[in-house]
Amino acid sequence: PAAIAFATGVLAFMVLRILPLRKVYNAVDW
């Protein structure tokens, strides 16, 4: 499902440090 596919991508970004961990939640337009 789209939500699972993209959530897996976000997890990969975090594990591989593509993004600073402190900025992951800042990237979301809350």
PDB file of all heavy atoms in Angstrom:
ATOM      1  N   PRO A   1       0.846  -1.196   0.000  1.00  0.00           N
ATOM      2  CA  PRO A   1       0.000   0.000   0.000  1.00  0.00           C
ATOM      3  C   PRO A   1       0.884   1.250   0.000  1.00  0.00           C
ATOM      4  O   PRO A   1       2.016   1.229   0.518  1.00  0.00           O
ATOM      5  CB  PRO A   1      -0.782  -0.124   1.313  1.00  0.00           C
ATOM      6  CG  PRO A   1      -0.734  -1.575   1.661  1.00  0.00           C
ATOM      7  CD  PRO A   1       0.577  -2.080   1.143  1.00  0.00           C
ATOM      8  N   ALA A   2       0.372   2.335  -0.575  1.00  0.00           N
ATOM      9  CA  ALA A   2       1.183   3.552  -0.718  1.00  0.00           C
ATOM     10  C   ALA A   2       1.740   4.018   0.626  1.00  0.00           C
ATOM     11  O   ALA A   2       2.919   4.388   0.725  1.00  0.00           O
ATOM     12  CB  ALA A   2       0.352   4.659  -1.361  1.00  0.00           C
ATOM     13  N   ALA A   3       0.909   4.018   1.652  1.00  0.00           N
ATOM     14  CA  ALA A   3       1.367   4.494   2.962  1.00  0.00           C
ATOM     15  C   ALA A   3       2.525   3.655   3.481  1.00  0.00           C
ATOM     16  O   ALA A   3       3.509   4.186   4.021  1.00  0.00           O
ATOM     17  CB  ALA A   3       0.205   4.486   3.965  1.00  0.00           C
ATOM     18  N   ILE A   4       2.435   2.325   3.319  1.00  0.00           N
ATOM     19  CA  ILE A   4       3.491   1.438   3.802  1.00  0.00           C
ATOM     20  C   ILE A   4       4.752   1.610   2.964  1.00  0.00           C
ATOM     21  O   ILE A   4       5.878   1.647   3.491  1.00  0.00           O
ATOM     22  CB  ILE A   4       3.022  -0.029   3.763  1.00  0.00           C
ATOM     23  CG1 ILE A   4       1.769  -0.213   4.626  1.00  0.00           C
ATOM     24  CG2 ILE A   4       4.131  -0.953   4.235  1.00  0.00           C
ATOM     25  CD1 ILE A   4       1.964   0.125   6.082  1.00  0.00           C
ATOM     26  N   ALA A   5       4.596   1.727   1.654  1.00  0.00           N
ATOM     27  CA  ALA A   5       5.759   1.867   0.771  1.00  0.00           C
ATOM     28  C   ALA A   5       6.556   3.121   1.103  1.00  0.00           C
ATOM     29  O   ALA A   5       7.791   3.083   1.225  1.00  0.00           O
ATOM     30  CB  ALA A   5       5.303   1.898  -0.688  1.00  0.00           C
ATOM     31  N   PHE A   6       5.857   4.235   1.280  1.00  0.00           N
ATOM     32  CA  PHE A   6       6.567   5.489   1.545  1.00  0.00           C
ATOM     33  C   PHE A   6       7.058   5.570   2.991  1.00  0.00           C
ATOM     34  O   PHE A   6       8.087   6.192   3.260  1.00  0.00           O
ATOM     35  CB  PHE A   6       5.673   6.674   1.193  1.00  0.00           C
ATOM     36  CG  PHE A   6       5.424   6.789  -0.285  1.00  0.00           C
ATOM     37  CD1 PHE A   6       4.177   6.557  -0.818  1.00  0.00           C
ATOM     38  CD2 PHE A   6       6.459   7.090  -1.149  1.00  0.00           C
ATOM     39  CE1 PHE A   6       3.951   6.638  -2.181  1.00  0.00           C
ATOM     40  CE2 PHE A   6       6.253   7.168  -2.510  1.00  0.00           C
ATOM     41  CZ  PHE A   6       4.998   6.945  -3.038  1.00  0.00           C
ATOM     42  N   ALA A   7       6.349   4.945   3.912  1.00  0.00           N
ATOM     43  CA  ALA A   7       6.845   4.885   5.289  1.00  0.00           C
ATOM     44  C   ALA A   7       8.134   4.066   5.356  1.00  0.00           C
ATOM     45  O   ALA A   7       9.066   4.409   6.099  1.00  0.00           O
ATOM     46  CB  ALA A   7       5.787   4.278   6.212  1.00  0.00           C
ATOM     47  N   THR A   8       8.208   3.002   4.555  1.00  0.00           N
ATOM     48  CA  THR A   8       9.438   2.213   4.486  1.00  0.00           C
ATOM     49  C   THR A   8      10.574   3.061   3.929  1.00  0.00           C
ATOM     50  O   THR A   8      11.721   2.977   4.384  1.00  0.00           O
ATOM     51  CB  THR A   8       9.221   0.966   3.605  1.00  0.00           C
ATOM     52  OG1 THR A   8       8.118   0.213   4.115  1.00  0.00           O
ATOM     53  CG2 THR A   8      10.469   0.098   3.586  1.00  0.00           C
ATOM     54  N   GLY A   9      10.269   3.895   2.923  1.00  0.00           N
ATOM     55  CA  GLY A   9      11.276   4.798   2.377  1.00  0.00           C
ATOM     56  C   GLY A   9      11.799   5.785   3.409  1.00  0.00           C
ATOM     57  O   GLY A   9      13.004   6.049   3.482  1.00  0.00           O
ATOM     58  N   VAL A  10      10.900   6.313   4.225  1.00  0.00           N
ATOM     59  CA  VAL A  10      11.313   7.243   5.285  1.00  0.00           C
ATOM     60  C   VAL A  10      12.201   6.537   6.293  1.00  0.00           C
ATOM     61  O   VAL A  10      13.221   7.085   6.739  1.00  0.00           O
ATOM     62  CB  VAL A  10      10.078   7.849   5.986  1.00  0.00           C
ATOM     63  CG1 VAL A  10      10.491   8.636   7.230  1.00  0.00           C
ATOM     64  CG2 VAL A  10       9.327   8.759   5.031  1.00  0.00           C
ATOM     65  N   LEU A  11      11.840   5.322   6.655  1.00  0.00           N
ATOM     66  CA  LEU A  11      12.667   4.553   7.592  1.00  0.00           C
ATOM     67  C   LEU A  11      14.061   4.337   7.006  1.00  0.00           C
ATOM     68  O   LEU A  11      15.073   4.461   7.714  1.00  0.00           O
ATOM     69  CB  LEU A  11      12.000   3.216   7.898  1.00  0.00           C
ATOM     70  CG  LEU A  11      12.768   2.293   8.862  1.00  0.00           C
ATOM     71  CD1 LEU A  11      12.929   2.952  10.222  1.00  0.00           C
ATOM     72  CD2 LEU A  11      12.051   0.947   8.998  1.00  0.00           C
ATOM     73  N   ALA A  12      14.132   4.030   5.714  1.00  0.00           N
ATOM     74  CA  ALA A  12      15.433   3.847   5.065  1.00  0.00           C
ATOM     75  C   ALA A  12      16.239   5.144   5.094  1.00  0.00           C
ATOM     76  O   ALA A  12      17.458   5.129   5.337  1.00  0.00           O
ATOM     77  CB  ALA A  12      15.233   3.382   3.620  1.00  0.00           C
ATOM     78  N   PHE A  13      15.587   6.283   4.870  1.00  0.00           N
ATOM     79  CA  PHE A  13      16.270   7.577   4.954  1.00  0.00           C
ATOM     80  C   PHE A  13      16.870   7.785   6.335  1.00  0.00           C
ATOM     81  O   PHE A  13      17.984   8.297   6.474  1.00  0.00           O
ATOM     82  CB  PHE A  13      15.277   8.704   4.650  1.00  0.00           C
ATOM     83  CG  PHE A  13      15.205   9.081   3.189  1.00  0.00           C
ATOM     84  CD1 PHE A  13      15.424   8.144   2.205  1.00  0.00           C
ATOM     85  CD2 PHE A  13      14.904  10.379   2.816  1.00  0.00           C
ATOM     86  CE1 PHE A  13      15.359   8.479   0.868  1.00  0.00           C
ATOM     87  CE2 PHE A  13      14.837  10.733   1.475  1.00  0.00           C
ATOM     88  CZ  PHE A  13      15.060   9.775   0.495  1.00  0.00           C
ATOM     89  N   MET A  14      16.124   7.403   7.368  1.00  0.00           N
ATOM     90  CA  MET A  14      16.594   7.613   8.737  1.00  0.00           C
ATOM     91  C   MET A  14      17.748   6.667   9.067  1.00  0.00           C
ATOM     92  O   MET A  14      18.749   7.083   9.654  1.00  0.00           O
ATOM     93  CB  MET A  14      15.430   7.417   9.714  1.00  0.00           C
ATOM     94  CG  MET A  14      14.309   8.432   9.534  1.00  0.00           C
ATOM     95  SD  MET A  14      12.830   8.041  10.501  1.00  0.00           S
ATOM     96  CE  MET A  14      13.409   8.353  12.163  1.00  0.00           C
ATOM     97  N   VAL A  15      17.618   5.393   8.678  1.00  0.00           N
ATOM     98  CA  VAL A  15      18.665   4.415   8.984  1.00  0.00           C
ATOM     99  C   VAL A  15      19.958   4.750   8.243  1.00  0.00           C
ATOM    100  O   VAL A  15      21.057   4.650   8.797  1.00  0.00           O
ATOM    101  CB  VAL A  15      18.179   2.997   8.618  1.00  0.00           C
ATOM    102  CG1 VAL A  15      19.325   1.994   8.727  1.00  0.00           C
ATOM    103  CG2 VAL A  15      17.026   2.581   9.528  1.00  0.00           C
ATOM    104  N   LEU A  16      19.817   5.194   6.997  1.00  0.00           N
ATOM    105  CA  LEU A  16      20.990   5.498   6.172  1.00  0.00           C
ATOM    106  C   LEU A  16      21.479   6.929   6.358  1.00  0.00           C
ATOM    107  O   LEU A  16      22.417   7.355   5.677  1.00  0.00           O
ATOM    108  CB  LEU A  16      20.651   5.256   4.697  1.00  0.00           C
ATOM    109  CG  LEU A  16      20.272   3.810   4.342  1.00  0.00           C
ATOM    110  CD1 LEU A  16      19.775   3.729   2.909  1.00  0.00           C
ATOM    111  CD2 LEU A  16      21.459   2.878   4.561  1.00  0.00           C
ATOM    112  N   ARG A  17      20.850   7.676   7.247  1.00  0.00           N
ATOM    113  CA  ARG A  17      21.238   9.047   7.570  1.00  0.00           C
ATOM    114  C   ARG A  17      21.226   9.965   6.342  1.00  0.00           C
ATOM    115  O   ARG A  17      22.096  10.813   6.194  1.00  0.00           O
ATOM    116  CB  ARG A  17      22.615   9.082   8.234  1.00  0.00           C
ATOM    117  CG  ARG A  17      22.689   8.328   9.552  1.00  0.00           C
ATOM    118  CD  ARG A  17      21.777   8.945  10.602  1.00  0.00           C
ATOM    119  NE  ARG A  17      21.832   8.211  11.852  1.00  0.00           N
ATOM    120  CZ  ARG A  17      22.599   8.544  12.873  1.00  0.00           C
ATOM    121  NH1 ARG A  17      23.390   9.584  12.769  1.00  0.00           N
ATOM    122  NH2 ARG A  17      22.586   7.836  13.978  1.00  0.00           N
ATOM    123  N   ILE A  18      20.258   9.764   5.467  1.00  0.00           N
ATOM    124  CA  ILE A  18      20.090  10.690   4.352  1.00  0.00           C
ATOM    125  C   ILE A  18      19.676  12.049   4.888  1.00  0.00           C
ATOM    126  O   ILE A  18      20.039  13.096   4.356  1.00  0.00           O
ATOM    127  CB  ILE A  18      19.024  10.162   3.364  1.00  0.00           C
ATOM    128  CG1 ILE A  18      19.420   8.787   2.838  1.00  0.00           C
ATOM    129  CG2 ILE A  18      18.833  11.142   2.204  1.00  0.00           C
ATOM    130  CD1 ILE A  18      20.750   8.755   2.124  1.00  0.00           C
ATOM    131  N   LEU A  19      18.913  12.026   5.945  1.00  0.00           N
ATOM    132  CA  LEU A  19      18.476  13.238   6.634  1.00  0.00           C
ATOM    133  C   LEU A  19      19.041  13.245   8.045  1.00  0.00           C
ATOM    134  O   LEU A  19      19.139  12.192   8.677  1.00  0.00           O
ATOM    135  CB  LEU A  19      16.947  13.272   6.730  1.00  0.00           C
ATOM    136  CG  LEU A  19      16.154  13.826   5.561  1.00  0.00           C
ATOM    137  CD1 LEU A  19      14.670  13.646   5.834  1.00  0.00           C
ATOM    138  CD2 LEU A  19      16.456  15.290   5.346  1.00  0.00           C
ATOM    139  N   PRO A  20      19.417  14.429   8.560  1.00  0.00           N
ATOM    140  CA  PRO A  20      19.729  14.504   9.988  1.00  0.00           C
ATOM    141  C   PRO A  20      18.496  14.095  10.786  1.00  0.00           C
ATOM    142  O   PRO A  20      17.381  14.548  10.495  1.00  0.00           O
ATOM    143  CB  PRO A  20      20.063  15.986  10.199  1.00  0.00           C
ATOM    144  CG  PRO A  20      20.424  16.501   8.848  1.00  0.00           C
ATOM    145  CD  PRO A  20      19.598  15.712   7.875  1.00  0.00           C
ATOM    146  N   LEU A  21      18.680  13.237  11.768  1.00  0.00           N
ATOM    147  CA  LEU A  21      17.532  12.724  12.516  1.00  0.00           C
ATOM    148  C   LEU A  21      16.730  13.838  13.167  1.00  0.00           C
ATOM    149  O   LEU A  21      15.504  13.756  13.283  1.00  0.00           O
ATOM    150  CB  LEU A  21      18.020  11.724  13.577  1.00  0.00           C
ATOM    151  CG  LEU A  21      18.658  10.445  13.028  1.00  0.00           C
ATOM    152  CD1 LEU A  21      19.069   9.538  14.183  1.00  0.00           C
ATOM    153  CD2 LEU A  21      17.712   9.725  12.092  1.00  0.00           C
ATOM    154  N   ARG A  22      17.410  14.892  13.568  1.00  0.00           N
ATOM    155  CA  ARG A  22      16.711  15.990  14.231  1.00  0.00           C
ATOM    156  C   ARG A  22      15.820  16.772  13.260  1.00  0.00           C
ATOM    157  O   ARG A  22      14.982  17.554  13.672  1.00  0.00           O
ATOM    158  CB  ARG A  22      17.702  16.930  14.916  1.00  0.00           C
ATOM    159  CG  ARG A  22      18.541  17.745  13.953  1.00  0.00           C
ATOM    160  CD  ARG A  22      19.505  18.642  14.707  1.00  0.00           C
ATOM    161  NE  ARG A  22      20.579  17.867  15.318  1.00  0.00           N
ATOM    162  CZ  ARG A  22      21.089  18.140  16.495  1.00  0.00           C
ATOM    163  NH1 ARG A  22      20.650  19.159  17.178  1.00  0.00           N
ATOM    164  NH2 ARG A  22      22.049  17.406  16.995  1.00  0.00           N
ATOM    165  N   LYS A  23      16.040  16.557  11.940  1.00  0.00           N
ATOM    166  CA  LYS A  23      15.273  17.312  10.951  1.00  0.00           C
ATOM    167  C   LYS A  23      14.154  16.503  10.299  1.00  0.00           C
ATOM    168  O   LYS A  23      13.409  17.035   9.485  1.00  0.00           O
ATOM    169  CB  LYS A  23      16.213  17.835   9.857  1.00  0.00           C
ATOM    170  CG  LYS A  23      17.133  18.942  10.322  1.00  0.00           C
ATOM    171  CD  LYS A  23      17.897  19.547   9.158  1.00  0.00           C
ATOM    172  CE  LYS A  23      18.751  20.722   9.626  1.00  0.00           C
ATOM    173  NZ  LYS A  23      19.496  21.345   8.507  1.00  0.00           N
ATOM    174  N   VAL A  24      14.057  15.232  10.647  1.00  0.00           N
ATOM    175  CA  VAL A  24      13.040  14.399  10.016  1.00  0.00           C
ATOM    176  C   VAL A  24      11.647  14.954  10.268  1.00  0.00           C
ATOM    177  O   VAL A  24      10.838  15.118   9.347  1.00  0.00           O
ATOM    178  CB  VAL A  24      13.145  12.946  10.514  1.00  0.00           C
ATOM    179  CG1 VAL A  24      11.943  12.136  10.052  1.00  0.00           C
ATOM    180  CG2 VAL A  24      14.426  12.304  10.009  1.00  0.00           C
ATOM    181  N   TYR A  25      11.359  15.274  11.504  1.00  0.00           N
ATOM    182  CA  TYR A  25      10.019  15.762  11.832  1.00  0.00           C
ATOM    183  C   TYR A  25       9.827  17.214  11.402  1.00  0.00           C
ATOM    184  O   TYR A  25       8.703  17.659  11.182  1.00  0.00           O
ATOM    185  CB  TYR A  25       9.761  15.601  13.332  1.00  0.00           C
ATOM    186  CG  TYR A  25       9.740  14.148  13.755  1.00  0.00           C
ATOM    187  CD1 TYR A  25      10.813  13.581  14.433  1.00  0.00           C
ATOM    188  CD2 TYR A  25       8.657  13.330  13.440  1.00  0.00           C
ATOM    189  CE1 TYR A  25      10.803  12.240  14.794  1.00  0.00           C
ATOM    190  CE2 TYR A  25       8.639  11.994  13.796  1.00  0.00           C
ATOM    191  CZ  TYR A  25       9.715  11.458  14.472  1.00  0.00           C
ATOM    192  OH  TYR A  25       9.699  10.125  14.824  1.00  0.00           O
ATOM    193  N   ASN A  26      10.935  17.954  11.261  1.00  0.00           N
ATOM    194  CA  ASN A  26      10.819  19.318  10.753  1.00  0.00           C
ATOM    195  C   ASN A  26      10.430  19.341   9.285  1.00  0.00           C
ATOM    196  O   ASN A  26       9.936  20.352   8.779  1.00  0.00           O
ATOM    197  CB  ASN A  26      12.151  20.066  10.928  1.00  0.00           C
ATOM    198  CG  ASN A  26      12.503  20.291  12.383  1.00  0.00           C
ATOM    199  OD1 ASN A  26      11.630  20.288  13.241  1.00  0.00           O
ATOM    200  ND2 ASN A  26      13.780  20.474  12.669  1.00  0.00           N
ATOM    201  N   ALA A  27      10.686  18.238   8.576  1.00  0.00           N
ATOM    202  CA  ALA A  27      10.360  18.180   7.153  1.00  0.00           C
ATOM    203  C   ALA A  27       8.861  18.048   6.905  1.00  0.00           C
ATOM    204  O   ALA A  27       8.397  18.281   5.795  1.00  0.00           O
ATOM    205  CB  ALA A  27      11.096  17.005   6.506  1.00  0.00           C
ATOM    206  N   VAL A  28       8.116  17.671   7.920  1.00  0.00           N
ATOM    207  CA  VAL A  28       6.670  17.472   7.773  1.00  0.00           C
ATOM    208  C   VAL A  28       5.946  18.803   7.953  1.00  0.00           C
ATOM    209  O   VAL A  28       6.211  19.547   8.895  1.00  0.00           O
ATOM    210  CB  VAL A  28       6.156  16.447   8.810  1.00  0.00           C
ATOM    211  CG1 VAL A  28       4.652  16.259   8.663  1.00  0.00           C
ATOM    212  CG2 VAL A  28       6.884  15.118   8.643  1.00  0.00           C
ATOM    213  N   ASP A  29       5.042  19.095   7.033  1.00  0.00           N
ATOM    214  CA  ASP A  29       4.204  20.292   7.142  1.00  0.00           C
ATOM    215  C   ASP A  29       3.034  19.946   8.060  1.00  0.00           C
ATOM    216  O   ASP A  29       1.962  19.527   7.622  1.00  0.00           O
ATOM    217  CB  ASP A  29       3.711  20.706   5.751  1.00  0.00           C
ATOM    218  CG  ASP A  29       2.996  22.050   5.774  1.00  0.00           C
ATOM    219  OD1 ASP A  29       2.726  22.554   6.886  1.00  0.00           O
ATOM    220  OD2 ASP A  29       2.709  22.591   4.699  1.00  0.00           O
ATOM    221  N   TRP A  30       3.242  20.137   9.361  1.00  0.00           N
ATOM    222  CA  TRP A  30       2.258  19.675  10.339  1.00  0.00           C
ATOM    223  C   TRP A  30       0.895  20.354  10.223  1.00  0.00           C
ATOM    224  O   TRP A  30      -0.132  19.705  10.454  1.00  0.00           O
ATOM    225  CB  TRP A  30       2.824  19.829  11.752  1.00  0.00           C
ATOM    226  CG  TRP A  30       3.947  18.879  12.007  1.00  0.00           C
ATOM    227  CD1 TRP A  30       5.276  19.160  12.105  1.00  0.00           C
ATOM    228  CD2 TRP A  30       3.842  17.452  12.150  1.00  0.00           C
ATOM    229  NE1 TRP A  30       6.009  18.016  12.296  1.00  0.00           N
ATOM    230  CE2 TRP A  30       5.158  16.953  12.341  1.00  0.00           C
ATOM    231  CE3 TRP A  30       2.781  16.559  12.137  1.00  0.00           C
ATOM    232  CZ2 TRP A  30       5.416  15.601  12.507  1.00  0.00           C
ATOM    233  CZ3 TRP A  30       3.042  15.203  12.304  1.00  0.00           C
ATOM    234  CH2 TRP A  30       4.343  14.738  12.490  1.00  0.00           C
TER     235      TRP A  30
END
